[in-house]
């Protein structure tokens, strides 16, 4: 009896470990389906991992983080500047996401060049 119980216990634990591993490996987080607190933390973790030597593009960021909370774009001669804002810190419970609650990611011709507090200042600079 003990052998049979032990065999089923080991089989059950092995099956549980297999299913948990498959979920962890193959399940992709969907930022659009998250509640705002989870999405905020998700955005913050992703942005904190960015490195300047990594070549992130606008499309790769949009694919990973989903639609931005705020976005602006401008053309300067042959350069296209885009800044997208993702909410990373909650300030006021008013139902409106503002720039001071977000972290900006600045793209020049689709390539990420700057992020953080100075990104919006750089975007506003003429020429």
N, C-alpha and C. Protein backbone atom coordinates (compact mmCIF):
# COMPACT_ATOMS: atom_id res chain seq x y z
N UNK A 1 0.83 -1.19 0.00
CA UNK A 1 0.00 0.00 0.00
C UNK A 1 0.87 1.26 0.00
N UNK A 2 1.91 1.25 0.84
CA UNK A 2 2.79 2.42 0.91
C UNK A 2 3.53 2.61 -0.41
N UNK A 3 3.95 1.52 -1.05
CA UNK A 3 4.64 1.61 -2.33
C UNK A 3 3.75 2.24 -3.39
N UNK A 4 2.48 1.82 -3.42
CA UNK A 4 1.54 2.35 -4.40
C UNK A 4 1.30 3.85 -4.17
N UNK A 5 1.11 4.24 -2.92
CA UNK A 5 0.90 5.65 -2.58
C UNK A 5 2.13 6.48 -2.96
N UNK A 6 3.30 5.97 -2.64
CA UNK A 6 4.54 6.67 -2.94
C UNK A 6 4.72 6.82 -4.46
N UNK A 7 4.39 5.76 -5.22
CA UNK A 7 4.50 5.81 -6.68
C UNK A 7 3.58 6.89 -7.25
N UNK A 8 2.34 6.96 -6.78
CA UNK A 8 1.38 7.98 -7.26
C UNK A 8 1.81 9.39 -6.84
N UNK A 9 2.39 9.51 -5.66
CA UNK A 9 2.88 10.80 -5.19
C UNK A 9 4.01 11.30 -6.10
N UNK A 10 4.96 10.44 -6.40
CA UNK A 10 6.07 10.82 -7.27
C UNK A 10 5.55 11.14 -8.68
N UNK A 11 4.64 10.34 -9.19
CA UNK A 11 4.07 10.59 -10.51
C UNK A 11 3.33 11.93 -10.55
N UNK A 12 2.56 12.22 -9.50
CA UNK A 12 1.83 13.48 -9.42
C UNK A 12 2.75 14.68 -9.34
N UNK A 13 3.79 14.60 -8.54
CA UNK A 13 4.75 15.69 -8.43
C UNK A 13 5.51 15.90 -9.74
N UNK A 14 5.85 14.83 -10.41
CA UNK A 14 6.53 14.93 -11.70
C UNK A 14 5.64 15.58 -12.75
N UNK A 15 4.37 15.19 -12.78
CA UNK A 15 3.42 15.78 -13.72
C UNK A 15 3.22 17.26 -13.42
N UNK A 16 3.11 17.60 -12.15
CA UNK A 16 2.96 19.01 -11.75
C UNK A 16 4.18 19.83 -12.18
N UNK A 17 5.38 19.29 -11.96
CA UNK A 17 6.61 20.00 -12.35
C UNK A 17 6.67 20.18 -13.86
N UNK A 18 6.26 19.16 -14.61
CA UNK A 18 6.26 19.26 -16.07
C UNK A 18 5.29 20.35 -16.55
N UNK A 19 4.08 20.37 -16.02
CA UNK A 19 3.09 21.38 -16.42
C UNK A 19 3.56 22.78 -16.03
N UNK A 20 4.09 22.93 -14.83
CA UNK A 20 4.59 24.24 -14.38
C UNK A 20 5.73 24.73 -15.27
N UNK A 21 6.63 23.84 -15.64
CA UNK A 21 7.74 24.21 -16.52
C UNK A 21 7.23 24.63 -17.89
N UNK A 22 6.28 23.92 -18.43
CA UNK A 22 5.72 24.26 -19.74
C UNK A 22 5.04 25.63 -19.71
N UNK A 23 4.32 25.93 -18.65
CA UNK A 23 3.66 27.23 -18.53
C UNK A 23 4.70 28.34 -18.44
N UNK A 24 5.72 28.15 -17.65
CA UNK A 24 6.75 29.18 -17.47
C UNK A 24 7.49 29.42 -18.79
N UNK A 25 7.80 28.37 -19.52
CA UNK A 25 8.58 28.50 -20.75
C UNK A 25 7.75 29.08 -21.90
N UNK A 26 6.50 28.64 -22.05
CA UNK A 26 5.74 28.99 -23.24
C UNK A 26 4.68 30.06 -23.05
N UNK A 27 4.32 30.42 -21.84
CA UNK A 27 3.28 31.43 -21.62
C UNK A 27 3.89 32.82 -21.73
N UNK A 28 3.33 33.65 -22.61
CA UNK A 28 3.82 35.01 -22.79
C UNK A 28 2.88 35.97 -22.06
N UNK A 29 3.45 36.86 -21.25
CA UNK A 29 2.64 37.85 -20.56
C UNK A 29 2.00 38.78 -21.57
N UNK A 30 0.77 39.15 -21.32
CA UNK A 30 0.05 40.10 -22.18
C UNK A 30 -0.21 41.36 -21.37
N UNK A 31 0.56 42.43 -21.63
CA UNK A 31 0.40 43.65 -20.85
C UNK A 31 -1.01 44.23 -20.93
N UNK A 32 -1.70 44.02 -22.05
CA UNK A 32 -3.04 44.58 -22.22
C UNK A 32 -4.05 43.92 -21.28
N UNK A 33 -3.78 42.69 -20.87
CA UNK A 33 -4.71 41.96 -20.02
C UNK A 33 -4.42 42.14 -18.53
N UNK A 34 -3.36 42.85 -18.20
CA UNK A 34 -2.97 43.01 -16.80
C UNK A 34 -3.76 44.14 -16.14
N UNK A 35 -3.93 44.03 -14.82
CA UNK A 35 -4.48 45.17 -14.09
C UNK A 35 -3.40 46.24 -14.04
N UNK A 36 -3.79 47.48 -13.79
CA UNK A 36 -2.85 48.59 -13.96
C UNK A 36 -1.63 48.47 -13.05
N UNK A 37 -1.78 47.95 -11.85
CA UNK A 37 -0.62 47.84 -10.95
C UNK A 37 0.40 46.85 -11.50
N UNK A 38 -0.08 45.73 -12.03
CA UNK A 38 0.83 44.73 -12.59
C UNK A 38 1.49 45.25 -13.86
N UNK A 39 0.72 45.95 -14.69
CA UNK A 39 1.30 46.47 -15.93
C UNK A 39 2.36 47.52 -15.63
N UNK A 40 2.10 48.34 -14.63
CA UNK A 40 3.07 49.36 -14.22
C UNK A 40 4.39 48.70 -13.80
N UNK A 41 4.31 47.67 -12.98
CA UNK A 41 5.51 46.96 -12.53
C UNK A 41 6.19 46.25 -13.71
N UNK A 42 5.41 45.69 -14.60
CA UNK A 42 5.94 45.01 -15.80
C UNK A 42 6.71 45.99 -16.66
N UNK A 43 6.13 47.17 -16.91
CA UNK A 43 6.79 48.21 -17.70
C UNK A 43 8.11 48.63 -17.04
N UNK A 44 8.05 48.86 -15.74
CA UNK A 44 9.23 49.33 -15.00
C UNK A 44 10.36 48.30 -15.07
N UNK A 45 10.02 47.03 -14.89
CA UNK A 45 11.05 45.98 -14.95
C UNK A 45 11.70 45.93 -16.33
N UNK A 46 10.90 46.02 -17.38
CA UNK A 46 11.45 45.98 -18.73
C UNK A 46 12.37 47.17 -18.99
N UNK A 47 11.93 48.36 -18.63
CA UNK A 47 12.71 49.58 -18.88
C UNK A 47 14.00 49.57 -18.07
N UNK A 48 13.95 49.07 -16.84
CA UNK A 48 15.16 49.00 -16.02
C UNK A 48 16.21 48.07 -16.61
N UNK A 49 15.79 47.08 -17.40
CA UNK A 49 16.73 46.13 -17.99
C UNK A 49 17.37 46.64 -19.29
N UNK A 50 16.86 47.75 -19.83
CA UNK A 50 17.40 48.26 -21.09
C UNK A 50 18.84 48.69 -20.94
N UNK A 51 19.63 48.46 -21.99
CA UNK A 51 21.03 48.88 -22.02
C UNK A 51 21.26 49.61 -23.33
N UNK A 52 22.10 50.61 -23.30
CA UNK A 52 22.34 51.44 -24.48
C UNK A 52 23.00 50.62 -25.60
N UNK A 53 23.79 49.61 -25.23
CA UNK A 53 24.45 48.82 -26.27
C UNK A 53 23.49 47.84 -26.95
N UNK A 54 22.34 47.58 -26.34
CA UNK A 54 21.32 46.77 -27.00
C UNK A 54 20.65 47.60 -28.09
N UNK A 55 20.36 46.99 -29.19
CA UNK A 55 19.72 47.73 -30.28
C UNK A 55 18.22 47.46 -30.26
N UNK A 56 17.52 48.19 -29.42
CA UNK A 56 16.07 48.05 -29.34
C UNK A 56 15.43 48.94 -30.39
N UNK A 57 14.39 48.42 -31.00
CA UNK A 57 13.64 49.19 -31.99
C UNK A 57 12.26 49.49 -31.44
N UNK A 58 11.59 50.43 -32.07
CA UNK A 58 10.23 50.77 -31.67
C UNK A 58 9.33 49.55 -31.77
N UNK A 59 9.47 48.80 -32.83
CA UNK A 59 8.63 47.61 -33.01
C UNK A 59 8.86 46.56 -31.93
N UNK A 60 10.12 46.35 -31.53
CA UNK A 60 10.40 45.36 -30.50
C UNK A 60 9.84 45.80 -29.14
N UNK A 61 9.91 47.09 -28.85
CA UNK A 61 9.34 47.60 -27.60
C UNK A 61 7.83 47.48 -27.62
N UNK A 62 7.21 47.84 -28.73
CA UNK A 62 5.75 47.74 -28.84
C UNK A 62 5.29 46.29 -28.74
N UNK A 63 6.07 45.38 -29.31
CA UNK A 63 5.72 43.96 -29.24
C UNK A 63 5.78 43.45 -27.80
N UNK A 64 6.76 43.90 -27.05
CA UNK A 64 6.95 43.42 -25.69
C UNK A 64 6.03 44.12 -24.70
N UNK A 65 5.93 45.45 -24.78
CA UNK A 65 5.16 46.22 -23.79
C UNK A 65 3.73 46.52 -24.23
N UNK A 66 3.42 46.36 -25.49
CA UNK A 66 2.08 46.69 -25.97
C UNK A 66 1.97 48.17 -26.27
N UNK A 67 0.75 48.62 -26.40
CA UNK A 67 0.50 50.03 -26.74
C UNK A 67 0.98 50.95 -25.63
N UNK A 68 1.63 52.06 -26.01
CA UNK A 68 2.08 53.00 -24.99
C UNK A 68 0.91 53.79 -24.41
N UNK A 69 1.13 54.36 -23.24
CA UNK A 69 0.11 55.18 -22.60
C UNK A 69 0.01 56.55 -23.27
N UNK A 70 1.14 57.09 -23.69
CA UNK A 70 1.19 58.37 -24.40
C UNK A 70 2.24 58.25 -25.50
N UNK A 71 2.05 58.96 -26.58
CA UNK A 71 3.02 58.93 -27.66
C UNK A 71 3.01 60.24 -28.43
N UNK A 72 4.19 60.66 -28.87
CA UNK A 72 4.35 61.88 -29.66
C UNK A 72 5.35 61.58 -30.77
N UNK A 73 5.21 62.25 -31.90
CA UNK A 73 6.14 62.06 -33.01
C UNK A 73 6.32 63.39 -33.75
N UNK A 74 7.49 63.54 -34.35
CA UNK A 74 7.75 64.72 -35.18
C UNK A 74 8.78 64.35 -36.22
N UNK A 75 8.79 65.14 -37.29
CA UNK A 75 9.76 64.95 -38.36
C UNK A 75 10.65 66.19 -38.39
N UNK A 76 11.94 65.97 -38.46
CA UNK A 76 12.91 67.06 -38.55
C UNK A 76 13.80 66.75 -39.75
N UNK A 77 13.50 67.40 -40.88
CA UNK A 77 14.15 67.12 -42.15
C UNK A 77 13.98 65.64 -42.49
N UNK A 78 15.06 64.86 -42.51
CA UNK A 78 14.92 63.44 -42.85
C UNK A 78 14.92 62.53 -41.61
N UNK A 79 14.84 63.11 -40.42
CA UNK A 79 14.83 62.34 -39.17
C UNK A 79 13.40 62.26 -38.61
N UNK A 80 13.02 61.09 -38.16
CA UNK A 80 11.72 60.91 -37.50
C UNK A 80 12.00 60.63 -36.03
N UNK A 81 11.45 61.49 -35.17
CA UNK A 81 11.61 61.36 -33.72
C UNK A 81 10.28 60.91 -33.14
N UNK A 82 10.34 59.88 -32.32
CA UNK A 82 9.14 59.41 -31.63
C UNK A 82 9.48 59.20 -30.17
N UNK A 83 8.56 59.61 -29.32
CA UNK A 83 8.72 59.31 -27.90
C UNK A 83 7.45 58.62 -27.44
N UNK A 84 7.63 57.49 -26.79
CA UNK A 84 6.51 56.75 -26.24
C UNK A 84 6.66 56.71 -24.72
N UNK A 85 5.55 56.83 -24.05
CA UNK A 85 5.55 56.85 -22.59
C UNK A 85 4.79 55.64 -22.06
N UNK A 86 5.43 54.94 -21.13
CA UNK A 86 4.79 53.83 -20.43
C UNK A 86 4.72 54.17 -18.96
N UNK A 87 3.56 53.94 -18.39
CA UNK A 87 3.38 54.28 -16.98
C UNK A 87 4.20 53.35 -16.10
N UNK A 88 5.00 53.96 -15.22
CA UNK A 88 5.88 53.19 -14.33
C UNK A 88 5.73 53.59 -12.86
N UNK A 89 5.01 54.67 -12.58
CA UNK A 89 4.78 55.07 -11.18
C UNK A 89 3.44 55.79 -11.06
N UNK A 90 2.67 55.36 -10.09
CA UNK A 90 1.35 55.94 -9.85
C UNK A 90 1.49 57.18 -8.98
N UNK A 91 0.81 58.25 -9.36
CA UNK A 91 0.86 59.48 -8.56
C UNK A 91 -0.53 59.88 -8.06
N UNK A 92 -1.50 60.00 -8.97
CA UNK A 92 -2.82 60.49 -8.61
C UNK A 92 -3.90 59.55 -9.13
N UNK A 93 -4.84 59.22 -8.30
CA UNK A 93 -5.96 58.36 -8.72
C UNK A 93 -7.06 59.21 -9.33
N UNK A 94 -6.81 59.69 -10.55
CA UNK A 94 -7.80 60.53 -11.22
C UNK A 94 -8.26 59.92 -12.54
N UNK A 95 -7.76 58.73 -12.87
CA UNK A 95 -8.16 58.07 -14.10
C UNK A 95 -7.44 58.57 -15.34
N UNK A 96 -6.49 59.49 -15.17
CA UNK A 96 -5.75 60.06 -16.29
C UNK A 96 -4.27 59.75 -16.11
N UNK A 97 -3.64 59.23 -17.14
CA UNK A 97 -2.20 58.98 -17.10
C UNK A 97 -1.49 60.21 -17.64
N UNK A 98 -0.59 60.76 -16.84
CA UNK A 98 0.15 61.95 -17.23
C UNK A 98 1.63 61.61 -17.42
N UNK A 99 2.35 62.52 -18.04
CA UNK A 99 3.76 62.30 -18.33
C UNK A 99 4.57 62.07 -17.05
N UNK A 100 4.23 62.75 -15.96
CA UNK A 100 5.00 62.58 -14.73
C UNK A 100 4.80 61.20 -14.09
N UNK A 101 3.84 60.43 -14.56
CA UNK A 101 3.63 59.06 -14.07
C UNK A 101 4.30 58.03 -14.98
N UNK A 102 4.94 58.50 -16.03
CA UNK A 102 5.48 57.61 -17.06
C UNK A 102 6.99 57.76 -17.21
N UNK A 103 7.56 56.78 -17.89
CA UNK A 103 8.94 56.84 -18.32
C UNK A 103 8.93 56.89 -19.84
N UNK A 104 9.64 57.88 -20.38
CA UNK A 104 9.68 58.05 -21.83
C UNK A 104 10.81 57.28 -22.47
N UNK A 105 10.54 56.76 -23.67
CA UNK A 105 11.55 56.09 -24.48
C UNK A 105 11.61 56.84 -25.80
N UNK A 106 12.78 57.39 -26.11
CA UNK A 106 12.96 58.22 -27.29
C UNK A 106 13.58 57.40 -28.43
N UNK A 107 12.93 57.48 -29.60
CA UNK A 107 13.39 56.74 -30.77
C UNK A 107 13.73 57.73 -31.87
N UNK A 108 14.83 57.48 -32.54
CA UNK A 108 15.23 58.26 -33.71
C UNK A 108 15.26 57.30 -34.88
N UNK A 109 14.38 57.55 -35.85
CA UNK A 109 14.24 56.66 -37.00
C UNK A 109 14.00 55.21 -36.57
N UNK A 110 13.21 55.02 -35.54
CA UNK A 110 12.83 53.68 -35.09
C UNK A 110 13.81 52.99 -34.17
N UNK A 111 14.96 53.61 -33.86
CA UNK A 111 15.96 53.03 -32.96
C UNK A 111 15.92 53.74 -31.62
N UNK A 112 15.92 52.97 -30.55
CA UNK A 112 15.92 53.55 -29.20
C UNK A 112 17.26 54.22 -28.95
N UNK A 113 17.21 55.51 -28.57
CA UNK A 113 18.47 56.22 -28.30
C UNK A 113 18.56 56.74 -26.86
N UNK A 114 17.41 56.89 -26.20
CA UNK A 114 17.43 57.47 -24.85
C UNK A 114 16.13 57.13 -24.14
N UNK A 115 16.20 56.97 -22.83
CA UNK A 115 15.00 56.75 -22.04
C UNK A 115 15.21 57.35 -20.67
N UNK A 116 14.13 57.59 -19.98
CA UNK A 116 14.19 58.18 -18.65
C UNK A 116 13.77 59.64 -18.67
N UNK A 117 14.05 60.36 -17.59
CA UNK A 117 13.59 61.75 -17.45
C UNK A 117 14.10 62.69 -18.53
N UNK A 118 15.30 62.46 -19.05
CA UNK A 118 15.86 63.38 -20.04
C UNK A 118 15.36 63.10 -21.46
N UNK A 119 14.66 62.01 -21.67
CA UNK A 119 14.19 61.66 -23.02
C UNK A 119 13.21 62.71 -23.55
N UNK A 120 12.28 63.15 -22.73
CA UNK A 120 11.30 64.14 -23.19
C UNK A 120 11.96 65.48 -23.44
N UNK A 121 12.91 65.86 -22.60
CA UNK A 121 13.66 67.12 -22.82
C UNK A 121 14.40 67.07 -24.15
N UNK A 122 15.01 65.95 -24.46
CA UNK A 122 15.73 65.79 -25.73
C UNK A 122 14.75 65.85 -26.91
N UNK A 123 13.57 65.27 -26.74
CA UNK A 123 12.56 65.29 -27.80
C UNK A 123 12.09 66.72 -28.08
N UNK A 124 11.97 67.54 -27.04
CA UNK A 124 11.48 68.90 -27.20
C UNK A 124 12.51 69.85 -27.81
N UNK A 125 13.78 69.49 -27.78
CA UNK A 125 14.82 70.35 -28.34
C UNK A 125 14.61 70.53 -29.83
N UNK A 126 14.73 71.75 -30.32
CA UNK A 126 14.58 71.95 -31.76
C UNK A 126 15.81 71.42 -32.51
N UNK A 127 15.54 70.91 -33.72
CA UNK A 127 16.63 70.45 -34.60
C UNK A 127 17.40 69.40 -33.99
